[in-house]
Amino acid sequence: MTTASILALVESIERRGDDALAAFAFQSALTRKGREAHAAGGSATLDAIRREIAAADPKRATVRAEILAAAWADLLPGSDRTV
């Protein structure tokens, strides 16, 4: 699991939009990758990944943060569900 693979999924979701069937598959994979990252290093790992993805293209950082927040809602601090 690398930030690069997560970034590739985020970019795929960006290109296809929320309603596309392919985006659903990418979203599921992104959620799975988030769970793997969380299991490996907890919230600190997720935060590091989010920072790297934001830094990869600052102009798209907000949209990318929203994509990750949606995919990782049950993993992020303050959510009402935990893994």
PDB file of N, CA and C in Angstrom:
ATOM      1  N   MET A   1       0.846  -1.174   0.000  1.00  0.00           N
ATOM      2  CA  MET A   1       0.000   0.000   0.000  1.00  0.00           C
ATOM      3  C   MET A   1       0.888   1.233   0.000  1.00  0.00           C
ATOM      4  N   THR A   2       0.656   2.073  -0.977  1.00  0.00           N
ATOM      5  CA  THR A   2       1.438   3.292  -1.055  1.00  0.00           C
ATOM      6  C   THR A   2       0.522   4.488  -1.264  1.00  0.00           C
ATOM      7  N   THR A   3       1.053   5.651  -0.957  1.00  0.00           N
ATOM      8  CA  THR A   3       0.311   6.874  -1.231  1.00  0.00           C
ATOM      9  C   THR A   3       0.031   6.985  -2.724  1.00  0.00           C
ATOM     10  N   ALA A   4       0.963   6.534  -3.546  1.00  0.00           N
ATOM     11  CA  ALA A   4       0.777   6.605  -5.000  1.00  0.00           C
ATOM     12  C   ALA A   4      -0.453   5.827  -5.450  1.00  0.00           C
ATOM     13  N   SER A   5      -0.687   4.660  -4.867  1.00  0.00           N
ATOM     14  CA  SER A   5      -1.864   3.877  -5.270  1.00  0.00           C
ATOM     15  C   SER A   5      -3.154   4.562  -4.803  1.00  0.00           C
ATOM     16  N   ILE A   6      -3.114   5.186  -3.653  1.00  0.00           N
ATOM     17  CA  ILE A   6      -4.279   5.911  -3.160  1.00  0.00           C
ATOM     18  C   ILE A   6      -4.515   7.150  -4.022  1.00  0.00           C
ATOM     19  N   LEU A   7      -3.446   7.838  -4.382  1.00  0.00           N
ATOM     20  CA  LEU A   7      -3.572   9.006  -5.258  1.00  0.00           C
ATOM     21  C   LEU A   7      -4.170   8.605  -6.606  1.00  0.00           C
ATOM     22  N   ALA A   8      -3.760   7.476  -7.144  1.00  0.00           N
ATOM     23  CA  ALA A   8      -4.308   7.010  -8.418  1.00  0.00           C
ATOM     24  C   ALA A   8      -5.814   6.781  -8.317  1.00  0.00           C
ATOM     25  N   LEU A   9      -6.268   6.229  -7.214  1.00  0.00           N
ATOM     26  CA  LEU A   9      -7.712   6.030  -7.013  1.00  0.00           C
ATOM     27  C   LEU A   9      -8.440   7.363  -6.907  1.00  0.00           C
ATOM     28  N   VAL A  10      -7.867   8.305  -6.155  1.00  0.00           N
ATOM     29  CA  VAL A  10      -8.478   9.628  -6.005  1.00  0.00           C
ATOM     30  C   VAL A  10      -8.578  10.307  -7.375  1.00  0.00           C
ATOM     31  N   GLU A  11      -7.528  10.249  -8.162  1.00  0.00           N
ATOM     32  CA  GLU A  11      -7.548  10.846  -9.494  1.00  0.00           C
ATOM     33  C   GLU A  11      -8.593  10.191 -10.384  1.00  0.00           C
ATOM     34  N   SER A  12      -8.761   8.891 -10.262  1.00  0.00           N
ATOM     35  CA  SER A  12      -9.767   8.184 -11.049  1.00  0.00           C
ATOM     36  C   SER A  12     -11.174   8.646 -10.668  1.00  0.00           C
ATOM     37  N   ILE A  13     -11.404   8.840  -9.395  1.00  0.00           N
ATOM     38  CA  ILE A  13     -12.708   9.337  -8.932  1.00  0.00           C
ATOM     39  C   ILE A  13     -12.925  10.759  -9.440  1.00  0.00           C
ATOM     40  N   GLU A  14     -11.893  11.584  -9.388  1.00  0.00           N
ATOM     41  CA  GLU A  14     -11.999  12.960  -9.893  1.00  0.00           C
ATOM     42  C   GLU A  14     -12.408  12.978 -11.364  1.00  0.00           C
ATOM     43  N   ARG A  15     -11.812  12.110 -12.159  1.00  0.00           N
ATOM     44  CA  ARG A  15     -12.083  12.092 -13.603  1.00  0.00           C
ATOM     45  C   ARG A  15     -13.482  11.592 -13.922  1.00  0.00           C
ATOM     46  N   ARG A  16     -13.994  10.688 -13.127  1.00  0.00           N
ATOM     47  CA  ARG A  16     -15.258  10.049 -13.470  1.00  0.00           C
ATOM     48  C   ARG A  16     -16.475  10.651 -12.776  1.00  0.00           C
ATOM     49  N   GLY A  17     -16.273  11.397 -11.712  1.00  0.00           N
ATOM     50  CA  GLY A  17     -17.410  11.981 -11.004  1.00  0.00           C
ATOM     51  C   GLY A  17     -18.059  10.997 -10.047  1.00  0.00           C
ATOM     52  N   ASP A  18     -18.899  11.512  -9.197  1.00  0.00           N
ATOM     53  CA  ASP A  18     -19.507  10.705  -8.140  1.00  0.00           C
ATOM     54  C   ASP A  18     -20.537   9.690  -8.627  1.00  0.00           C
ATOM     55  N   ASP A  19     -21.177   9.959  -9.752  1.00  0.00           N
ATOM     56  CA  ASP A  19     -22.292   9.121 -10.167  1.00  0.00           C
ATOM     57  C   ASP A  19     -21.906   7.952 -11.062  1.00  0.00           C
ATOM     58  N   ALA A  20     -20.707   7.949 -11.556  1.00  0.00           N
ATOM     59  CA  ALA A  20     -20.283   6.899 -12.476  1.00  0.00           C
ATOM     60  C   ALA A  20     -20.120   5.567 -11.742  1.00  0.00           C
ATOM     61  N   LEU A  21     -20.499   4.498 -12.416  1.00  0.00           N
ATOM     62  CA  LEU A  21     -20.371   3.162 -11.837  1.00  0.00           C
ATOM     63  C   LEU A  21     -18.917   2.846 -11.508  1.00  0.00           C
ATOM     64  N   ALA A  22     -18.002   3.261 -12.373  1.00  0.00           N
ATOM     65  CA  ALA A  22     -16.586   3.021 -12.114  1.00  0.00           C
ATOM     66  C   ALA A  22     -16.134   3.748 -10.851  1.00  0.00           C
ATOM     67  N   ALA A  23     -16.674   4.938 -10.620  1.00  0.00           N
ATOM     68  CA  ALA A  23     -16.298   5.698  -9.423  1.00  0.00           C
ATOM     69  C   ALA A  23     -16.678   4.933  -8.162  1.00  0.00           C
ATOM     70  N   PHE A  24     -17.781   4.214  -8.198  1.00  0.00           N
ATOM     71  CA  PHE A  24     -18.186   3.407  -7.044  1.00  0.00           C
ATOM     72  C   PHE A  24     -17.141   2.335  -6.751  1.00  0.00           C
ATOM     73  N   ALA A  25     -16.643   1.701  -7.786  1.00  0.00           N
ATOM     74  CA  ALA A  25     -15.612   0.675  -7.598  1.00  0.00           C
ATOM     75  C   ALA A  25     -14.333   1.298  -7.045  1.00  0.00           C
ATOM     76  N   PHE A  26     -13.959   2.466  -7.582  1.00  0.00           N
ATOM     77  CA  PHE A  26     -12.769   3.154  -7.078  1.00  0.00           C
ATOM     78  C   PHE A  26     -12.967   3.583  -5.630  1.00  0.00           C
ATOM     79  N   GLN A  27     -14.167   4.041  -5.291  1.00  0.00           N
ATOM     80  CA  GLN A  27     -14.468   4.467  -3.924  1.00  0.00           C
ATOM     81  C   GLN A  27     -14.337   3.287  -2.959  1.00  0.00           C
ATOM     82  N   SER A  28     -14.834   2.136  -3.367  1.00  0.00           N
ATOM     83  CA  SER A  28     -14.720   0.936  -2.532  1.00  0.00           C
ATOM     84  C   SER A  28     -13.255   0.560  -2.316  1.00  0.00           C
ATOM     85  N   ALA A  29     -12.473   0.631  -3.381  1.00  0.00           N
ATOM     86  CA  ALA A  29     -11.040   0.326  -3.262  1.00  0.00           C
ATOM     87  C   ALA A  29     -10.338   1.347  -2.376  1.00  0.00           C
ATOM     88  N   LEU A  30     -10.729   2.611  -2.490  1.00  0.00           N
ATOM     89  CA  LEU A  30     -10.142   3.659  -1.665  1.00  0.00           C
ATOM     90  C   LEU A  30     -10.466   3.436  -0.186  1.00  0.00           C
ATOM     91  N   THR A  31     -11.683   3.024   0.101  1.00  0.00           N
ATOM     92  CA  THR A  31     -12.063   2.708   1.478  1.00  0.00           C
ATOM     93  C   THR A  31     -11.229   1.547   2.012  1.00  0.00           C
ATOM     94  N   ARG A  32     -11.065   0.522   1.186  1.00  0.00           N
ATOM     95  CA  ARG A  32     -10.256  -0.642   1.592  1.00  0.00           C
ATOM     96  C   ARG A  32      -8.805  -0.235   1.852  1.00  0.00           C
ATOM     97  N   LYS A  33      -8.236   0.592   0.967  1.00  0.00           N
ATOM     98  CA  LYS A  33      -6.856   1.059   1.161  1.00  0.00           C
ATOM     99  C   LYS A  33      -6.736   1.886   2.447  1.00  0.00           C
ATOM    100  N   GLY A  34      -7.739   2.677   2.740  1.00  0.00           N
ATOM    101  CA  GLY A  34      -7.745   3.460   3.972  1.00  0.00           C
ATOM    102  C   GLY A  34      -7.744   2.570   5.204  1.00  0.00           C
ATOM    103  N   ARG A  35      -8.534   1.510   5.151  1.00  0.00           N
ATOM    104  CA  ARG A  35      -8.562   0.565   6.283  1.00  0.00           C
ATOM    105  C   ARG A  35      -7.211  -0.120   6.461  1.00  0.00           C
ATOM    106  N   GLU A  36      -6.579  -0.460   5.347  1.00  0.00           N
ATOM    107  CA  GLU A  36      -5.256  -1.082   5.428  1.00  0.00           C
ATOM    108  C   GLU A  36      -4.240  -0.110   6.034  1.00  0.00           C
ATOM    109  N   ALA A  37      -4.290   1.136   5.588  1.00  0.00           N
ATOM    110  CA  ALA A  37      -3.360   2.143   6.109  1.00  0.00           C
ATOM    111  C   ALA A  37      -3.612   2.402   7.589  1.00  0.00           C
ATOM    112  N   HIS A  38      -4.875   2.463   7.968  1.00  0.00           N
ATOM    113  CA  HIS A  38      -5.235   2.700   9.367  1.00  0.00           C
ATOM    114  C   HIS A  38      -4.761   1.532  10.237  1.00  0.00           C
ATOM    115  N   ALA A  39      -4.940   0.326   9.737  1.00  0.00           N
ATOM    116  CA  ALA A  39      -4.485  -0.852  10.490  1.00  0.00           C
ATOM    117  C   ALA A  39      -2.969  -0.855  10.648  1.00  0.00           C
ATOM    118  N   ALA A  40      -2.269  -0.356   9.645  1.00  0.00           N
ATOM    119  CA  ALA A  40      -0.808  -0.346   9.688  1.00  0.00           C
ATOM    120  C   ALA A  40      -0.247   0.749  10.580  1.00  0.00           C
ATOM    121  N   GLY A  41      -0.931   1.909  10.646  1.00  0.00           N
ATOM    122  CA  GLY A  41      -0.327   3.012  11.389  1.00  0.00           C
ATOM    123  C   GLY A  41      -1.284   3.974  12.047  1.00  0.00           C
ATOM    124  N   GLY A  42      -2.572   3.656  12.034  1.00  0.00           N
ATOM    125  CA  GLY A  42      -3.551   4.491  12.713  1.00  0.00           C
ATOM    126  C   GLY A  42      -3.813   5.819  12.020  1.00  0.00           C
ATOM    127  N   SER A  43      -4.370   6.739  12.778  1.00  0.00           N
ATOM    128  CA  SER A  43      -4.757   8.050  12.253  1.00  0.00           C
ATOM    129  C   SER A  43      -3.567   8.842  11.739  1.00  0.00           C
ATOM    130  N   ALA A  44      -2.408   8.655  12.347  1.00  0.00           N
ATOM    131  CA  ALA A  44      -1.216   9.375  11.898  1.00  0.00           C
ATOM    132  C   ALA A  44      -0.866   9.011  10.458  1.00  0.00           C
ATOM    133  N   THR A  45      -1.030   7.758  10.102  1.00  0.00           N
ATOM    134  CA  THR A  45      -0.760   7.327   8.735  1.00  0.00           C
ATOM    135  C   THR A  45      -1.766   7.938   7.771  1.00  0.00           C
ATOM    136  N   LEU A  46      -3.032   7.937   8.144  1.00  0.00           N
ATOM    137  CA  LEU A  46      -4.052   8.556   7.284  1.00  0.00           C
ATOM    138  C   LEU A  46      -3.775  10.041   7.097  1.00  0.00           C
ATOM    139  N   ASP A  47      -3.389  10.713   8.157  1.00  0.00           N
ATOM    140  CA  ASP A  47      -3.071  12.141   8.065  1.00  0.00           C
ATOM    141  C   ASP A  47      -1.895  12.380   7.126  1.00  0.00           C
ATOM    142  N   ALA A  48      -0.877  11.557   7.220  1.00  0.00           N
ATOM    143  CA  ALA A  48       0.292  11.705   6.347  1.00  0.00           C
ATOM    144  C   ALA A  48      -0.095  11.498   4.885  1.00  0.00           C
ATOM    145  N   ILE A  49      -0.923  10.519   4.631  1.00  0.00           N
ATOM    146  CA  ILE A  49      -1.378  10.256   3.266  1.00  0.00           C
ATOM    147  C   ILE A  49      -2.192  11.441   2.750  1.00  0.00           C
ATOM    148  N   ARG A  50      -3.086  11.961   3.580  1.00  0.00           N
ATOM    149  CA  ARG A  50      -3.894  13.113   3.156  1.00  0.00           C
ATOM    150  C   ARG A  50      -3.007  14.313   2.840  1.00  0.00           C
ATOM    151  N   ARG A  51      -1.985  14.556   3.644  1.00  0.00           N
ATOM    152  CA  ARG A  51      -1.076  15.677   3.372  1.00  0.00           C
ATOM    153  C   ARG A  51      -0.323  15.489   2.058  1.00  0.00           C
ATOM    154  N   GLU A  52       0.156  14.283   1.816  1.00  0.00           N
ATOM    155  CA  GLU A  52       0.891  14.014   0.579  1.00  0.00           C
ATOM    156  C   GLU A  52       0.005  14.176  -0.646  1.00  0.00           C
ATOM    157  N   ILE A  53      -1.225  13.715  -0.548  1.00  0.00           N
ATOM    158  CA  ILE A  53      -2.148  13.830  -1.677  1.00  0.00           C
ATOM    159  C   ILE A  53      -2.518  15.291  -1.918  1.00  0.00           C
ATOM    160  N   ALA A  54      -2.711  16.052  -0.872  1.00  0.00           N
ATOM    161  CA  ALA A  54      -2.989  17.486  -1.024  1.00  0.00           C
ATOM    162  C   ALA A  54      -1.800  18.202  -1.652  1.00  0.00           C
ATOM    163  N   ALA A  55      -0.598  17.848  -1.232  1.00  0.00           N
ATOM    164  CA  ALA A  55       0.613  18.497  -1.747  1.00  0.00           C
ATOM    165  C   ALA A  55       0.889  18.143  -3.204  1.00  0.00           C
ATOM    166  N   ALA A  56       0.385  17.001  -3.644  1.00  0.00           N
ATOM    167  CA  ALA A  56       0.630  16.579  -5.023  1.00  0.00           C
ATOM    168  C   ALA A  56       0.022  17.543  -6.038  1.00  0.00           C
ATOM    169  N   ASP A  57      -1.077  18.190  -5.667  1.00  0.00           N
ATOM    170  CA  ASP A  57      -1.702  19.198  -6.541  1.00  0.00           C
ATOM    171  C   ASP A  57      -2.527  20.137  -5.663  1.00  0.00           C
ATOM    172  N   PRO A  58      -1.907  21.189  -5.146  1.00  0.00           N
ATOM    173  CA  PRO A  58      -2.590  22.098  -4.227  1.00  0.00           C
ATOM    174  C   PRO A  58      -3.884  22.690  -4.780  1.00  0.00           C
ATOM    175  N   LYS A  59      -3.977  22.843  -6.090  1.00  0.00           N
ATOM    176  CA  LYS A  59      -5.203  23.399  -6.678  1.00  0.00           C
ATOM    177  C   LYS A  59      -6.390  22.461  -6.517  1.00  0.00           C
ATOM    178  N   ARG A  60      -6.122  21.182  -6.402  1.00  0.00           N
ATOM    179  CA  ARG A  60      -7.203  20.192  -6.246  1.00  0.00           C
ATOM    180  C   ARG A  60      -7.267  19.635  -4.830  1.00  0.00           C
ATOM    181  N   ALA A  61      -6.545  20.231  -3.912  1.00  0.00           N
ATOM    182  CA  ALA A  61      -6.457  19.706  -2.545  1.00  0.00           C
ATOM    183  C   ALA A  61      -7.815  19.619  -1.865  1.00  0.00           C
ATOM    184  N   THR A  62      -8.657  20.619  -2.039  1.00  0.00           N
ATOM    185  CA  THR A  62      -9.966  20.616  -1.368  1.00  0.00           C
ATOM    186  C   THR A  62     -10.841  19.484  -1.873  1.00  0.00           C
ATOM    187  N   VAL A  63     -10.895  19.318  -3.179  1.00  0.00           N
ATOM    188  CA  VAL A  63     -11.703  18.238  -3.759  1.00  0.00           C
ATOM    189  C   VAL A  63     -11.170  16.888  -3.314  1.00  0.00           C
ATOM    190  N   ARG A  64      -9.872  16.753  -3.308  1.00  0.00           N
ATOM    191  CA  ARG A  64      -9.271  15.484  -2.897  1.00  0.00           C
ATOM    192  C   ARG A  64      -9.522  15.202  -1.418  1.00  0.00           C
ATOM    193  N   ALA A  65      -9.485  16.225  -0.598  1.00  0.00           N
ATOM    194  CA  ALA A  65      -9.790  16.050   0.826  1.00  0.00           C
ATOM    195  C   ALA A  65     -11.226  15.575   1.011  1.00  0.00           C
ATOM    196  N   GLU A  66     -12.142  16.100   0.206  1.00  0.00           N
ATOM    197  CA  GLU A  66     -13.545  15.671   0.282  1.00  0.00           C
ATOM    198  C   GLU A  66     -13.703  14.221  -0.143  1.00  0.00           C
ATOM    199  N   ILE A  67     -12.994  13.813  -1.178  1.00  0.00           N
ATOM    200  CA  ILE A  67     -13.043  12.417  -1.637  1.00  0.00           C
ATOM    201  C   ILE A  67     -12.541  11.484  -0.543  1.00  0.00           C
ATOM    202  N   LEU A  68     -11.408  11.830   0.064  1.00  0.00           N
ATOM    203  CA  LEU A  68     -10.859  10.995   1.133  1.00  0.00           C
ATOM    204  C   LEU A  68     -11.762  10.989   2.356  1.00  0.00           C
ATOM    205  N   ALA A  69     -12.326  12.132   2.702  1.00  0.00           N
ATOM    206  CA  ALA A  69     -13.222  12.197   3.864  1.00  0.00           C
ATOM    207  C   ALA A  69     -14.439  11.302   3.663  1.00  0.00           C
ATOM    208  N   ALA A  70     -14.976  11.284   2.458  1.00  0.00           N
ATOM    209  CA  ALA A  70     -16.132  10.428   2.173  1.00  0.00           C
ATOM    210  C   ALA A  70     -15.760   8.952   2.251  1.00  0.00           C
ATOM    211  N   ALA A  71     -14.597   8.606   1.709  1.00  0.00           N
ATOM    212  CA  ALA A  71     -14.180   7.205   1.682  1.00  0.00           C
ATOM    213  C   ALA A  71     -13.749   6.700   3.050  1.00  0.00           C
ATOM    214  N   TRP A  72     -13.206   7.601   3.868  1.00  0.00           N
ATOM    215  CA  TRP A  72     -12.637   7.202   5.151  1.00  0.00           C
ATOM    216  C   TRP A  72     -13.440   7.724   6.339  1.00  0.00           C
ATOM    217  N   ALA A  73     -14.696   8.022   6.144  1.00  0.00           N
ATOM    218  CA  ALA A  73     -15.513   8.623   7.204  1.00  0.00           C
ATOM    219  C   ALA A  73     -15.497   7.802   8.491  1.00  0.00           C
ATOM    220  N   ASP A  74     -15.495   6.495   8.361  1.00  0.00           N
ATOM    221  CA  ASP A  74     -15.514   5.656   9.566  1.00  0.00           C
ATOM    222  C   ASP A  74     -14.135   5.490  10.198  1.00  0.00           C
ATOM    223  N   LEU A  75     -13.097   6.031   9.561  1.00  0.00           N
ATOM    224  CA  LEU A  75     -11.740   5.885  10.075  1.00  0.00           C
ATOM    225  C   LEU A  75     -11.184   7.173  10.704  1.00  0.00           C
ATOM    226  N   LEU A  76     -11.767   8.304  10.322  1.00  0.00           N
ATOM    227  CA  LEU A  76     -11.226   9.587  10.734  1.00  0.00           C
ATOM    228  C   LEU A  76     -11.680   9.959  12.139  1.00  0.00           C
ATOM    229  N   PRO A  77     -10.830  10.665  12.871  1.00  0.00           N
ATOM    230  CA  PRO A  77     -11.211  11.113  14.229  1.00  0.00           C
ATOM    231  C   PRO A  77     -12.489  11.933  14.187  1.00  0.00           C
ATOM    232  N   GLY A  78     -13.327  11.723  15.174  1.00  0.00           N
ATOM    233  CA  GLY A  78     -14.573  12.478  15.269  1.00  0.00           C
ATOM    234  C   GLY A  78     -15.744  11.810  14.581  1.00  0.00           C
ATOM    235  N   SER A  79     -15.489  10.721  13.863  1.00  0.00           N
ATOM    236  CA  SER A  79     -16.603  10.027  13.234  1.00  0.00           C
ATOM    237  C   SER A  79     -17.338   9.213  14.283  1.00  0.00           C
ATOM    238  N   ASP A  80     -18.562   8.841  13.960  1.00  0.00           N
ATOM    239  CA  ASP A  80     -19.343   8.095  14.934  1.00  0.00           C
ATOM    240  C   ASP A  80     -19.155   6.594  14.803  1.00  0.00           C
ATOM    241  N   ARG A  81     -18.317   6.171  13.850  1.00  0.00           N
ATOM    242  CA  ARG A  81     -18.027   4.747  13.686  1.00  0.00           C
ATOM    243  C   ARG A  81     -16.531   4.557  13.669  1.00  0.00           C
ATOM    244  N   THR A  82     -16.074   3.449  14.176  1.00  0.00           N
ATOM    245  CA  THR A  82     -14.654   3.105  14.113  1.00  0.00           C
ATOM    246  C   THR A  82     -14.512   1.687  13.621  1.00  0.00           C
ATOM    247  N   VAL A  83     -13.338   1.377  13.130  1.00  0.00           N
ATOM    248  CA  VAL A  83     -13.063   0.031  12.619  1.00  0.00           C
ATOM    249  C   VAL A  83     -12.503  -0.808  13.715  1.00  0.00           C
TER     250      VAL A  83
END
